[in-house]
Amino acid sequence: MIVKDGEFKQARIEKIAEAMCLAARTAPKARGLDLLEVIVIKGKEDIAELSKKMLNIGQQQEHKTFLRDGENILKAAAIVIIGTRRQALQLKYCGLCGYADCAANDKAGGMCAFNPGDLGIAIGSAVSVAMDNRLDNRIMYTVGKAAIELGWLGPKVKLAYGIPLSATGKNPFFDRK
């Protein structure tokens, strides 16, 4: 039997995307508090909807990065999106967020310093799975911002990043005009 990569490539990319989500979920988190929301975008229609949102943001804000990335993600076979809900950890002594304490942070609607830290560790764990499988990827804040605006991660997620995935002869997510 002869099997060409086109016969299994999409399914394999989706399995790796799922493994990336598990790696993000099991990554260490401050106080063991899991505030992550993790999704996989698998369908071309949903990727196109995300691209359209990114292009709209790019046009409205005159922001070339959103325009470039909005075009680039159309070459993705799947996209992993990882976000964090905003929640202070109620530490006894910290102030790393810039507020006197967690109560002051909560009152001001600030972001706990540990929320983006945990998100970064989770993203690092996820992309290491992609790397171990030699899957083309790139971390994009533009994807996360558009997913937040689309409401795909729920109303409490205030910070997210997207990781488009591809298995081609050249990583399409580093293309620059």
Foldseek 3Di string as FASTA:
>chain_A
DDDDCVVCVLVVQVVLLVVLQVLLQPFDAVVNDDFKFKDKAADLVVLLVLLVLLCVCCVVVVNVVSPLQSVLLNQFRMKMKMFGFAAAPQDPADCPQVDRGRVRCVVVVGGHPRRVVSRVRSNVRSVVSCVVVVKQKDKAQSSNVSCVVVCVRHVRTDGMIMIGTDDDPDRSSPDDD
